[in-house]
Amino acid sequence: YRPERSESSQDKYCFAYNIRITNESENPIQLVSREFEIQSVGLPHKDVVSGPGVTGRQPILKPGESFEYTS
């Protein structure tokens, strides 16, 4: 929860999340796309966010490497 970016008096709330992706295989991998389903409490529908890469990037990870981002 990010109170500095929220307006509770207007029922607007901002949240951030941290993601870490680690390549646990023996081969290089590439993160090429993402898809998130977001559902607000009390609402019947889900918003789907999808697209290429994350934060405008499509990192290639060698075995054992990690990629982290916050959104």
N, C-alpha and C. Protein backbone atom coordinates (compact mmCIF):
# COMPACT_ATOMS: atom_id res chain seq x y z
N TYR A 1 0.84 -1.18 0.00
CA TYR A 1 0.00 0.00 0.00
C TYR A 1 0.88 1.24 0.00
N ARG A 2 0.58 2.20 -0.91
CA ARG A 2 1.36 3.44 -1.01
C ARG A 2 0.48 4.62 -0.60
N PRO A 3 0.46 4.96 0.70
CA PRO A 3 -0.42 6.03 1.16
C PRO A 3 -0.14 7.38 0.51
N GLU A 4 1.12 7.64 0.17
CA GLU A 4 1.49 8.93 -0.43
C GLU A 4 0.93 9.10 -1.84
N ARG A 5 0.50 8.00 -2.47
CA ARG A 5 -0.07 8.07 -3.82
C ARG A 5 -1.56 7.72 -3.84
N SER A 6 -2.14 7.62 -2.66
CA SER A 6 -3.55 7.25 -2.52
C SER A 6 -4.37 8.44 -2.06
N GLU A 7 -5.67 8.39 -2.34
CA GLU A 7 -6.63 9.39 -1.87
C GLU A 7 -7.81 8.64 -1.26
N SER A 8 -7.67 8.26 0.00
CA SER A 8 -8.71 7.45 0.64
C SER A 8 -10.05 8.17 0.67
N SER A 9 -10.04 9.49 0.73
CA SER A 9 -11.30 10.24 0.74
C SER A 9 -12.05 10.11 -0.58
N GLN A 10 -11.34 9.72 -1.65
CA GLN A 10 -11.94 9.52 -2.97
C GLN A 10 -12.00 8.03 -3.34
N ASP A 11 -11.75 7.17 -2.36
CA ASP A 11 -11.70 5.73 -2.60
C ASP A 11 -10.70 5.34 -3.68
N LYS A 12 -9.56 6.01 -3.71
CA LYS A 12 -8.49 5.68 -4.66
C LYS A 12 -7.28 5.22 -3.84
N TYR A 13 -6.86 4.00 -4.11
CA TYR A 13 -5.77 3.41 -3.34
C TYR A 13 -4.70 2.90 -4.30
N CYS A 14 -3.46 3.17 -3.98
CA CYS A 14 -2.35 2.75 -4.83
C CYS A 14 -1.55 1.66 -4.10
N PHE A 15 -1.22 0.63 -4.85
CA PHE A 15 -0.40 -0.46 -4.34
C PHE A 15 0.80 -0.67 -5.25
N ALA A 16 1.88 -1.12 -4.70
CA ALA A 16 3.08 -1.47 -5.47
C ALA A 16 3.41 -2.92 -5.18
N TYR A 17 4.08 -3.55 -6.11
CA TYR A 17 4.52 -4.92 -5.89
C TYR A 17 5.95 -5.07 -6.36
N ASN A 18 6.66 -5.99 -5.73
CA ASN A 18 8.04 -6.30 -6.08
C ASN A 18 8.06 -7.70 -6.67
N ILE A 19 8.77 -7.86 -7.77
CA ILE A 19 8.89 -9.15 -8.45
C ILE A 19 10.36 -9.51 -8.60
N ARG A 20 10.68 -10.76 -8.31
CA ARG A 20 12.02 -11.28 -8.58
C ARG A 20 11.84 -12.56 -9.39
N ILE A 21 12.52 -12.61 -10.52
CA ILE A 21 12.49 -13.78 -11.39
C ILE A 21 13.90 -14.34 -11.41
N THR A 22 14.04 -15.62 -11.07
CA THR A 22 15.35 -16.26 -11.04
C THR A 22 15.37 -17.42 -12.01
N ASN A 23 16.43 -17.49 -12.80
CA ASN A 23 16.60 -18.60 -13.73
C ASN A 23 17.23 -19.76 -12.98
N GLU A 24 16.44 -20.77 -12.69
CA GLU A 24 16.93 -21.95 -11.99
C GLU A 24 17.24 -23.10 -12.93
N SER A 25 17.21 -22.83 -14.24
CA SER A 25 17.53 -23.88 -15.21
C SER A 25 19.03 -23.87 -15.51
N GLU A 26 19.44 -24.77 -16.37
CA GLU A 26 20.85 -24.84 -16.78
C GLU A 26 21.10 -24.09 -18.08
N ASN A 27 20.06 -23.43 -18.60
CA ASN A 27 20.17 -22.73 -19.89
C ASN A 27 19.73 -21.28 -19.73
N PRO A 28 20.24 -20.39 -20.60
CA PRO A 28 19.74 -19.01 -20.58
C PRO A 28 18.26 -18.97 -20.92
N ILE A 29 17.55 -18.01 -20.32
CA ILE A 29 16.12 -17.81 -20.61
C ILE A 29 15.90 -16.32 -20.89
N GLN A 30 14.76 -16.02 -21.50
CA GLN A 30 14.39 -14.63 -21.73
C GLN A 30 12.96 -14.40 -21.29
N LEU A 31 12.75 -13.33 -20.57
CA LEU A 31 11.41 -12.93 -20.18
C LEU A 31 10.84 -12.14 -21.36
N VAL A 32 9.84 -12.69 -22.01
CA VAL A 32 9.34 -12.05 -23.23
C VAL A 32 7.97 -11.40 -23.06
N SER A 33 7.18 -11.83 -22.05
CA SER A 33 5.85 -11.24 -21.87
C SER A 33 5.39 -11.41 -20.43
N ARG A 34 4.28 -10.73 -20.13
CA ARG A 34 3.71 -10.84 -18.79
C ARG A 34 2.19 -10.76 -18.90
N GLU A 35 1.51 -11.29 -17.87
CA GLU A 35 0.07 -11.17 -17.77
C GLU A 35 -0.32 -11.22 -16.30
N PHE A 36 -1.06 -10.22 -15.86
CA PHE A 36 -1.54 -10.13 -14.50
C PHE A 36 -3.05 -10.01 -14.51
N GLU A 37 -3.71 -10.67 -13.58
CA GLU A 37 -5.14 -10.48 -13.35
C GLU A 37 -5.30 -9.72 -12.05
N ILE A 38 -6.05 -8.61 -12.11
CA ILE A 38 -6.22 -7.75 -10.95
C ILE A 38 -7.71 -7.70 -10.63
N GLN A 39 -8.05 -8.05 -9.40
CA GLN A 39 -9.45 -8.02 -8.99
C GLN A 39 -9.58 -7.22 -7.71
N SER A 40 -10.46 -6.26 -7.73
CA SER A 40 -10.71 -5.45 -6.54
C SER A 40 -11.74 -6.16 -5.66
N VAL A 41 -11.56 -6.03 -4.37
CA VAL A 41 -12.49 -6.65 -3.42
C VAL A 41 -13.89 -6.09 -3.64
N GLY A 42 -14.86 -6.99 -3.72
CA GLY A 42 -16.24 -6.57 -3.87
C GLY A 42 -16.70 -6.32 -5.30
N LEU A 43 -15.79 -6.39 -6.26
CA LEU A 43 -16.17 -6.19 -7.66
C LEU A 43 -16.15 -7.52 -8.40
N PRO A 44 -17.10 -7.76 -9.27
CA PRO A 44 -17.19 -9.07 -9.92
C PRO A 44 -16.23 -9.27 -11.09
N HIS A 45 -15.66 -8.20 -11.63
CA HIS A 45 -14.81 -8.36 -12.81
C HIS A 45 -13.33 -8.28 -12.46
N LYS A 46 -12.50 -8.80 -13.36
CA LYS A 46 -11.05 -8.74 -13.22
C LYS A 46 -10.50 -7.90 -14.36
N ASP A 47 -9.49 -7.10 -14.07
CA ASP A 47 -8.75 -6.40 -15.11
C ASP A 47 -7.56 -7.28 -15.47
N VAL A 48 -7.29 -7.41 -16.76
CA VAL A 48 -6.14 -8.19 -17.22
C VAL A 48 -5.14 -7.23 -17.85
N VAL A 49 -3.91 -7.28 -17.36
CA VAL A 49 -2.83 -6.47 -17.90
C VAL A 49 -1.83 -7.43 -18.53
N SER A 50 -1.58 -7.26 -19.81
CA SER A 50 -0.61 -8.14 -20.48
C SER A 50 0.16 -7.35 -21.51
N GLY A 51 1.29 -7.89 -21.93
CA GLY A 51 2.09 -7.22 -22.95
C GLY A 51 3.49 -7.78 -22.99
N PRO A 52 4.31 -7.21 -23.85
CA PRO A 52 5.69 -7.68 -23.98
C PRO A 52 6.55 -7.25 -22.79
N GLY A 53 7.41 -8.13 -22.36
CA GLY A 53 8.38 -7.83 -21.31
C GLY A 53 7.78 -7.27 -20.04
N VAL A 54 8.64 -6.65 -19.24
CA VAL A 54 8.23 -5.94 -18.03
C VAL A 54 9.01 -4.64 -17.97
N THR A 55 8.36 -3.60 -17.52
CA THR A 55 8.96 -2.26 -17.43
C THR A 55 9.74 -1.90 -18.70
N GLY A 56 9.19 -2.30 -19.85
CA GLY A 56 9.83 -1.97 -21.12
C GLY A 56 11.07 -2.79 -21.45
N ARG A 57 11.28 -3.87 -20.72
CA ARG A 57 12.50 -4.68 -20.93
C ARG A 57 12.13 -6.13 -21.15
N GLN A 58 13.02 -6.85 -21.83
CA GLN A 58 12.89 -8.29 -22.03
C GLN A 58 14.24 -8.92 -21.70
N PRO A 59 14.56 -8.98 -20.41
CA PRO A 59 15.90 -9.41 -20.00
C PRO A 59 16.19 -10.88 -20.33
N ILE A 60 17.43 -11.13 -20.65
CA ILE A 60 17.94 -12.50 -20.82
C ILE A 60 18.70 -12.84 -19.54
N LEU A 61 18.36 -13.97 -18.93
CA LEU A 61 18.98 -14.38 -17.68
C LEU A 61 19.80 -15.64 -17.89
N LYS A 62 21.05 -15.58 -17.49
CA LYS A 62 21.91 -16.77 -17.50
C LYS A 62 21.52 -17.64 -16.32
N PRO A 63 21.92 -18.91 -16.32
CA PRO A 63 21.62 -19.78 -15.17
C PRO A 63 22.06 -19.12 -13.86
N GLY A 64 21.16 -19.11 -12.89
CA GLY A 64 21.46 -18.54 -11.58
C GLY A 64 21.22 -17.05 -11.46
N GLU A 65 21.03 -16.33 -12.58
CA GLU A 65 20.81 -14.89 -12.51
C GLU A 65 19.36 -14.57 -12.16
N SER A 66 19.19 -13.39 -11.56
CA SER A 66 17.85 -12.91 -11.20
C SER A 66 17.61 -11.55 -11.81
N PHE A 67 16.34 -11.23 -11.97
CA PHE A 67 15.90 -9.91 -12.44
C PHE A 67 14.83 -9.45 -11.48
N GLU A 68 14.95 -8.20 -10.99
CA GLU A 68 13.97 -7.67 -10.04
C GLU A 68 13.42 -6.36 -10.53
N TYR A 69 12.15 -6.12 -10.22
CA TYR A 69 11.57 -4.82 -10.52
C TYR A 69 10.41 -4.55 -9.58
N THR A 70 10.06 -3.27 -9.49
CA THR A 70 8.93 -2.82 -8.68
C THR A 70 7.98 -2.07 -9.59
N SER A 71 6.72 -2.31 -9.43
CA SER A 71 5.74 -1.60 -10.24
C SER A 71 4.57 -1.21 -9.37
